[in-house]
């Protein structure tokens, strides 16, 4: 069973993900249909960032997954040499 702290962290992650998903969905799907001079546009980043931010996040994810795999393979190889 999960402890109270685990449940709180999980609930926080779900809430953060929900807010982020809602913000991004409004930014990408709804905002292009609202006039450019409307006041709601000041709460969102410029549209170019809607492509740049996920691209950079994806590249960082691929980099760190590759780094993790490299570290595990290197550690496995050094253990075989000592055995």
N, C-alpha and C. Protein backbone atom coordinates (compact mmCIF):
# COMPACT_ATOMS: atom_id res chain seq x y z
N UNK A 1 0.84 -1.19 0.00
CA UNK A 1 0.00 0.00 0.00
C UNK A 1 0.88 1.25 0.00
N UNK A 2 0.38 2.26 -0.63
CA UNK A 2 1.10 3.52 -0.70
C UNK A 2 0.93 4.31 0.60
N UNK A 3 1.98 4.98 0.99
CA UNK A 3 1.90 5.80 2.18
C UNK A 3 1.22 7.13 1.85
N UNK A 4 0.94 7.90 2.87
CA UNK A 4 0.29 9.19 2.66
C UNK A 4 1.13 10.14 1.82
N UNK A 5 2.46 10.07 2.01
CA UNK A 5 3.35 10.92 1.23
C UNK A 5 3.33 10.52 -0.24
N UNK A 6 3.34 9.22 -0.51
CA UNK A 6 3.28 8.75 -1.89
C UNK A 6 1.98 9.18 -2.56
N UNK A 7 0.90 9.09 -1.84
CA UNK A 7 -0.39 9.49 -2.40
C UNK A 7 -0.42 11.00 -2.67
N UNK A 8 0.16 11.78 -1.78
CA UNK A 8 0.20 13.23 -1.95
C UNK A 8 1.06 13.60 -3.16
N UNK A 9 2.20 12.96 -3.30
CA UNK A 9 3.06 13.21 -4.45
C UNK A 9 2.37 12.80 -5.74
N UNK A 10 1.70 11.65 -5.73
CA UNK A 10 0.97 11.21 -6.90
C UNK A 10 -0.16 12.15 -7.27
N UNK A 11 -0.90 12.62 -6.28
CA UNK A 11 -1.98 13.56 -6.54
C UNK A 11 -1.43 14.88 -7.08
N UNK A 12 -0.28 15.31 -6.56
CA UNK A 12 0.34 16.53 -7.07
C UNK A 12 0.78 16.39 -8.52
N UNK A 13 1.36 15.22 -8.86
CA UNK A 13 1.78 14.98 -10.24
C UNK A 13 0.59 14.92 -11.19
N UNK A 14 -0.50 14.31 -10.75
CA UNK A 14 -1.71 14.25 -11.58
C UNK A 14 -2.28 15.65 -11.77
N UNK A 15 -2.30 16.45 -10.71
CA UNK A 15 -2.83 17.81 -10.82
C UNK A 15 -1.95 18.66 -11.74
N UNK A 16 -0.64 18.56 -11.59
CA UNK A 16 0.27 19.31 -12.45
C UNK A 16 0.11 18.89 -13.91
N UNK A 17 0.02 17.60 -14.16
CA UNK A 17 -0.16 17.11 -15.53
C UNK A 17 -1.48 17.57 -16.12
N UNK A 18 -2.52 17.58 -15.32
CA UNK A 18 -3.83 18.03 -15.80
C UNK A 18 -3.82 19.51 -16.16
N UNK A 19 -3.19 20.33 -15.32
CA UNK A 19 -3.09 21.76 -15.61
C UNK A 19 -2.26 21.99 -16.86
N UNK A 20 -1.14 21.30 -16.97
CA UNK A 20 -0.28 21.44 -18.14
C UNK A 20 -1.00 21.01 -19.42
N UNK A 21 -1.72 19.89 -19.36
CA UNK A 21 -2.46 19.42 -20.53
C UNK A 21 -3.55 20.41 -20.92
N UNK A 22 -4.27 20.95 -19.95
CA UNK A 22 -5.33 21.91 -20.24
C UNK A 22 -4.75 23.19 -20.85
N UNK A 23 -3.66 23.70 -20.28
CA UNK A 23 -3.02 24.90 -20.80
C UNK A 23 -2.56 24.69 -22.24
N UNK A 24 -1.88 23.57 -22.50
CA UNK A 24 -1.36 23.30 -23.84
C UNK A 24 -2.49 23.11 -24.84
N UNK A 25 -3.56 22.43 -24.42
CA UNK A 25 -4.71 22.22 -25.31
C UNK A 25 -5.37 23.54 -25.67
N UNK A 26 -5.57 24.39 -24.68
CA UNK A 26 -6.15 25.71 -24.96
C UNK A 26 -5.23 26.51 -25.88
N UNK A 27 -3.94 26.44 -25.62
CA UNK A 27 -2.96 27.19 -26.39
C UNK A 27 -2.92 26.77 -27.85
N UNK A 28 -3.01 25.47 -28.09
CA UNK A 28 -2.85 24.95 -29.45
C UNK A 28 -4.17 24.87 -30.21
N UNK A 29 -5.24 24.45 -29.55
CA UNK A 29 -6.49 24.18 -30.26
C UNK A 29 -7.47 25.35 -30.22
N UNK A 30 -7.62 26.00 -29.08
CA UNK A 30 -8.64 27.03 -28.92
C UNK A 30 -8.13 28.41 -29.31
N UNK A 31 -6.92 28.76 -28.90
CA UNK A 31 -6.40 30.12 -29.09
C UNK A 31 -6.34 30.59 -30.54
N UNK A 32 -6.04 29.74 -31.52
CA UNK A 32 -6.03 30.25 -32.90
C UNK A 32 -7.39 30.75 -33.38
N UNK A 33 -8.48 30.35 -32.75
CA UNK A 33 -9.80 30.79 -33.17
C UNK A 33 -10.27 32.05 -32.44
N UNK A 34 -9.46 32.57 -31.53
CA UNK A 34 -9.80 33.79 -30.80
C UNK A 34 -9.03 34.95 -31.43
N UNK A 35 -9.67 36.10 -31.54
CA UNK A 35 -9.04 37.27 -32.15
C UNK A 35 -7.71 37.59 -31.49
N UNK A 36 -6.76 38.04 -32.28
CA UNK A 36 -5.40 38.31 -31.79
C UNK A 36 -5.35 39.45 -30.79
N UNK A 37 -6.31 40.36 -30.82
CA UNK A 37 -6.30 41.50 -29.90
C UNK A 37 -7.08 41.21 -28.61
N UNK A 38 -7.56 39.99 -28.44
CA UNK A 38 -8.29 39.64 -27.22
C UNK A 38 -7.33 39.57 -26.04
N UNK A 39 -7.83 39.89 -24.85
CA UNK A 39 -6.99 39.97 -23.65
C UNK A 39 -6.43 38.61 -23.23
N UNK A 40 -7.05 37.52 -23.63
CA UNK A 40 -6.59 36.19 -23.21
C UNK A 40 -5.23 35.83 -23.81
N UNK A 41 -4.87 36.46 -24.91
CA UNK A 41 -3.59 36.15 -25.55
C UNK A 41 -2.39 36.53 -24.69
N UNK A 42 -2.55 37.46 -23.76
CA UNK A 42 -1.41 37.85 -22.94
C UNK A 42 -1.05 36.79 -21.90
N UNK A 43 -1.91 35.80 -21.68
CA UNK A 43 -1.64 34.72 -20.72
C UNK A 43 -0.93 33.53 -21.35
N UNK A 44 -0.69 33.58 -22.64
CA UNK A 44 -0.06 32.47 -23.35
C UNK A 44 1.21 32.95 -24.04
N UNK A 45 2.16 32.03 -24.17
CA UNK A 45 3.40 32.33 -24.88
C UNK A 45 3.11 32.47 -26.38
N UNK A 46 4.05 33.05 -27.14
CA UNK A 46 3.88 33.09 -28.59
C UNK A 46 3.77 31.68 -29.18
N UNK A 47 3.11 31.57 -30.30
CA UNK A 47 2.79 30.27 -30.88
C UNK A 47 4.02 29.47 -31.29
N UNK A 48 5.13 30.14 -31.59
CA UNK A 48 6.35 29.42 -31.98
C UNK A 48 6.81 28.47 -30.88
N UNK A 49 6.60 28.87 -29.64
CA UNK A 49 7.03 28.05 -28.52
C UNK A 49 6.21 26.76 -28.39
N UNK A 50 5.06 26.72 -29.01
CA UNK A 50 4.24 25.50 -28.92
C UNK A 50 4.89 24.33 -29.65
N UNK A 51 5.82 24.63 -30.53
CA UNK A 51 6.57 23.58 -31.22
C UNK A 51 7.95 23.40 -30.58
N UNK A 52 8.57 24.51 -30.22
CA UNK A 52 9.94 24.47 -29.70
C UNK A 52 10.01 23.75 -28.35
N UNK A 53 9.09 24.06 -27.43
CA UNK A 53 9.14 23.48 -26.09
C UNK A 53 8.99 21.95 -26.11
N UNK A 54 7.96 21.38 -26.79
CA UNK A 54 7.89 19.91 -26.83
C UNK A 54 9.07 19.27 -27.57
N UNK A 55 9.60 19.96 -28.58
CA UNK A 55 10.75 19.42 -29.31
C UNK A 55 11.97 19.33 -28.39
N UNK A 56 12.24 20.39 -27.66
CA UNK A 56 13.38 20.39 -26.73
C UNK A 56 13.16 19.35 -25.63
N UNK A 57 11.94 19.26 -25.11
CA UNK A 57 11.65 18.28 -24.06
C UNK A 57 11.84 16.85 -24.59
N UNK A 58 11.41 16.59 -25.81
CA UNK A 58 11.59 15.27 -26.41
C UNK A 58 13.06 14.94 -26.63
N UNK A 59 13.83 15.93 -27.10
CA UNK A 59 15.26 15.69 -27.30
C UNK A 59 15.97 15.43 -25.98
N UNK A 60 15.60 16.17 -24.95
CA UNK A 60 16.20 15.92 -23.63
C UNK A 60 15.82 14.54 -23.11
N UNK A 61 14.58 14.13 -23.33
CA UNK A 61 14.14 12.80 -22.90
C UNK A 61 14.95 11.72 -23.60
N UNK A 62 15.10 11.84 -24.92
CA UNK A 62 15.88 10.85 -25.67
C UNK A 62 17.34 10.86 -25.21
N UNK A 63 17.89 12.04 -24.95
CA UNK A 63 19.27 12.13 -24.48
C UNK A 63 19.45 11.42 -23.15
N UNK A 64 18.57 11.69 -22.18
CA UNK A 64 18.73 11.09 -20.86
C UNK A 64 18.43 9.59 -20.85
N UNK A 65 17.51 9.15 -21.68
CA UNK A 65 17.27 7.70 -21.80
C UNK A 65 18.50 7.03 -22.40
N UNK A 66 19.08 7.63 -23.43
CA UNK A 66 20.30 7.09 -24.02
C UNK A 66 21.46 7.09 -23.04
N UNK A 67 21.57 8.15 -22.26
CA UNK A 67 22.62 8.24 -21.25
C UNK A 67 22.44 7.16 -20.19
N UNK A 68 21.20 6.91 -19.78
CA UNK A 68 20.92 5.86 -18.81
C UNK A 68 21.28 4.49 -19.37
N UNK A 69 20.89 4.21 -20.60
CA UNK A 69 21.21 2.92 -21.23
C UNK A 69 22.72 2.75 -21.35
N UNK A 70 23.41 3.83 -21.74
CA UNK A 70 24.87 3.78 -21.84
C UNK A 70 25.49 3.48 -20.48
N UNK A 71 25.02 4.11 -19.43
CA UNK A 71 25.55 3.89 -18.08
C UNK A 71 25.31 2.46 -17.64
N UNK A 72 24.12 1.91 -17.88
CA UNK A 72 23.81 0.54 -17.46
C UNK A 72 24.66 -0.46 -18.23
N UNK A 73 24.83 -0.23 -19.53
CA UNK A 73 25.65 -1.15 -20.33
C UNK A 73 27.12 -1.08 -19.89
N UNK A 74 27.62 0.11 -19.60
CA UNK A 74 29.00 0.27 -19.16
C UNK A 74 29.22 -0.38 -17.80
N UNK A 75 28.26 -0.21 -16.91
CA UNK A 75 28.37 -0.81 -15.59
C UNK A 75 28.30 -2.34 -15.69
N UNK A 76 27.46 -2.86 -16.56
CA UNK A 76 27.36 -4.30 -16.76
C UNK A 76 28.66 -4.86 -17.34
N UNK A 77 29.28 -4.11 -18.23
CA UNK A 77 30.51 -4.57 -18.86
C UNK A 77 31.66 -4.60 -17.86
N UNK A 78 31.73 -3.60 -16.98
CA UNK A 78 32.83 -3.58 -16.00
C UNK A 78 32.63 -4.68 -14.96
N UNK A 79 31.41 -5.10 -14.67
CA UNK A 79 31.18 -6.20 -13.72
C UNK A 79 31.62 -7.52 -14.33
N UNK A 80 31.46 -7.70 -15.64
CA UNK A 80 31.88 -8.94 -16.29
C UNK A 80 33.40 -9.07 -16.28
N UNK A 81 34.11 -7.94 -16.40
CA UNK A 81 35.56 -7.98 -16.39
C UNK A 81 36.11 -8.39 -15.02
N UNK A 82 35.45 -7.98 -13.95
CA UNK A 82 35.92 -8.29 -12.60
C UNK A 82 35.57 -9.71 -12.20
N UNK A 83 34.59 -10.32 -12.81
CA UNK A 83 34.17 -11.70 -12.45
C UNK A 83 35.07 -12.74 -13.01
